[in-house]
Amino acid sequence: MPKGEQKDDWLRTLDTCVMEHIAHSDLTSQELARQLGMSERQFYRKVKQLTNTTPHRYIHQIRFHTAYQGLKQ
């Protein structure tokens, strides 16, 4: 599998994990790291590398996007 596809697959997995727990206001990057079987530091580095933002910020972006989509309907 090409490297770009691996990154896309990993981000899709992360997005799915966030969406499964989006209703939990206490969702943290630590919890996501645990869900994905990674250390917190490894998770932080990977998210930062692939998205150019912190895991905390990435979670908020997904929440805002989801809220926006809900309001649009």
C-alpha atoms as a PDB file:
ATOM      1  CA  MET A   1       0.000   0.000   0.000  1.00  0.00           C
ATOM      2  CA  PRO A   2       1.445   3.411  -0.932  1.00  0.00           C
ATOM      3  CA  LYS A   3       2.419   5.710   1.927  1.00  0.00           C
ATOM      4  CA  GLY A   4      -0.274   8.288   1.076  1.00  0.00           C
ATOM      5  CA  GLU A   5      -2.990   5.664   1.286  1.00  0.00           C
ATOM      6  CA  GLN A   6      -1.710   4.532   4.693  1.00  0.00           C
ATOM      7  CA  LYS A   7      -1.974   8.111   5.966  1.00  0.00           C
ATOM      8  CA  ASP A   8      -5.490   8.429   4.568  1.00  0.00           C
ATOM      9  CA  ASP A   9      -6.511   5.122   6.154  1.00  0.00           C
ATOM     10  CA  TRP A  10      -5.097   6.169   9.526  1.00  0.00           C
ATOM     11  CA  LEU A  11      -6.892   9.515   9.407  1.00  0.00           C
ATOM     12  CA  ARG A  12     -10.154   7.775   8.472  1.00  0.00           C
ATOM     13  CA  THR A  13      -9.685   5.478  11.465  1.00  0.00           C
ATOM     14  CA  LEU A  14      -9.046   8.491  13.696  1.00  0.00           C
ATOM     15  CA  ASP A  15     -12.114  10.302  12.327  1.00  0.00           C
ATOM     16  CA  THR A  16     -14.263   7.226  12.908  1.00  0.00           C
ATOM     17  CA  CYS A  17     -13.013   6.942  16.470  1.00  0.00           C
ATOM     18  CA  VAL A  18     -13.744  10.623  17.146  1.00  0.00           C
ATOM     19  CA  MET A  19     -17.220  10.353  15.608  1.00  0.00           C
ATOM     20  CA  GLU A  20     -18.038   7.294  17.729  1.00  0.00           C
ATOM     21  CA  HIS A  21     -17.305   9.329  20.862  1.00  0.00           C
ATOM     22  CA  ILE A  22     -18.333  12.790  19.706  1.00  0.00           C
ATOM     23  CA  ALA A  23     -21.191  13.002  22.201  1.00  0.00           C
ATOM     24  CA  HIS A  24     -18.755  12.609  25.109  1.00  0.00           C
ATOM     25  CA  SER A  25     -17.647  16.081  26.115  1.00  0.00           C
ATOM     26  CA  ASP A  26     -14.749  14.588  28.053  1.00  0.00           C
ATOM     27  CA  LEU A  27     -13.157  12.994  24.975  1.00  0.00           C
ATOM     28  CA  THR A  28      -9.408  13.537  25.191  1.00  0.00           C
ATOM     29  CA  SER A  29      -6.419  12.865  23.029  1.00  0.00           C
ATOM     30  CA  GLN A  30      -5.255  10.443  25.725  1.00  0.00           C
ATOM     31  CA  GLU A  31      -8.432   8.402  25.293  1.00  0.00           C
ATOM     32  CA  LEU A  32      -8.086   8.416  21.516  1.00  0.00           C
ATOM     33  CA  ALA A  33      -4.460   7.330  21.777  1.00  0.00           C
ATOM     34  CA  ARG A  34      -5.546   4.429  23.992  1.00  0.00           C
ATOM     35  CA  GLN A  35      -8.329   3.500  21.564  1.00  0.00           C
ATOM     36  CA  LEU A  36      -5.816   3.438  18.694  1.00  0.00           C
ATOM     37  CA  GLY A  37      -3.246   1.462  20.688  1.00  0.00           C
ATOM     38  CA  MET A  38      -0.627   4.205  20.782  1.00  0.00           C
ATOM     39  CA  SER A  39       1.234   6.115  23.447  1.00  0.00           C
ATOM     40  CA  GLU A  40       0.046   9.674  24.001  1.00  0.00           C
ATOM     41  CA  ARG A  41       3.310  11.079  22.669  1.00  0.00           C
ATOM     42  CA  GLN A  42       3.296   8.875  19.572  1.00  0.00           C
ATOM     43  CA  PHE A  43      -0.342   9.824  18.934  1.00  0.00           C
ATOM     44  CA  TYR A  44       0.405  13.542  19.330  1.00  0.00           C
ATOM     45  CA  ARG A  45       3.312  13.357  16.889  1.00  0.00           C
ATOM     46  CA  LYS A  46       1.348  11.420  14.288  1.00  0.00           C
ATOM     47  CA  VAL A  47      -1.666  13.751  14.393  1.00  0.00           C
ATOM     48  CA  LYS A  48       0.595  16.807  14.269  1.00  0.00           C
ATOM     49  CA  GLN A  49       2.535  15.360  11.329  1.00  0.00           C
ATOM     50  CA  LEU A  50      -0.542  14.415   9.286  1.00  0.00           C
ATOM     51  CA  THR A  51      -2.850  17.341  10.080  1.00  0.00           C
ATOM     52  CA  ASN A  52      -0.453  20.136  11.035  1.00  0.00           C
ATOM     53  CA  THR A  53      -2.512  20.723  14.185  1.00  0.00           C
ATOM     54  CA  THR A  54      -2.652  19.348  17.710  1.00  0.00           C
ATOM     55  CA  PRO A  55      -4.931  16.418  18.591  1.00  0.00           C
ATOM     56  CA  HIS A  56      -6.999  18.681  20.848  1.00  0.00           C
ATOM     57  CA  ARG A  57      -7.516  21.174  18.035  1.00  0.00           C
ATOM     58  CA  TYR A  58      -8.284  18.366  15.566  1.00  0.00           C
ATOM     59  CA  ILE A  59     -11.028  17.007  17.853  1.00  0.00           C
ATOM     60  CA  HIS A  60     -12.526  20.503  18.100  1.00  0.00           C
ATOM     61  CA  GLN A  61     -12.432  20.943  14.336  1.00  0.00           C
ATOM     62  CA  ILE A  62     -14.370  17.713  13.869  1.00  0.00           C
ATOM     63  CA  ARG A  63     -16.896  18.764  16.530  1.00  0.00           C
ATOM     64  CA  PHE A  64     -17.395  22.181  14.915  1.00  0.00           C
ATOM     65  CA  HIS A  65     -17.766  20.639  11.473  1.00  0.00           C
ATOM     66  CA  THR A  66     -20.305  18.118  12.786  1.00  0.00           C
ATOM     67  CA  ALA A  67     -22.275  20.867  14.546  1.00  0.00           C
ATOM     68  CA  TYR A  68     -22.216  22.986  11.404  1.00  0.00           C
ATOM     69  CA  GLN A  69     -23.506  20.081   9.320  1.00  0.00           C
ATOM     70  CA  GLY A  70     -26.285  19.522  11.838  1.00  0.00           C
ATOM     71  CA  LEU A  71     -27.334  23.157  11.713  1.00  0.00           C
ATOM     72  CA  LYS A  72     -27.238  23.183   7.928  1.00  0.00           C
ATOM     73  CA  GLN A  73     -29.822  20.419   7.731  1.00  0.00           C
END
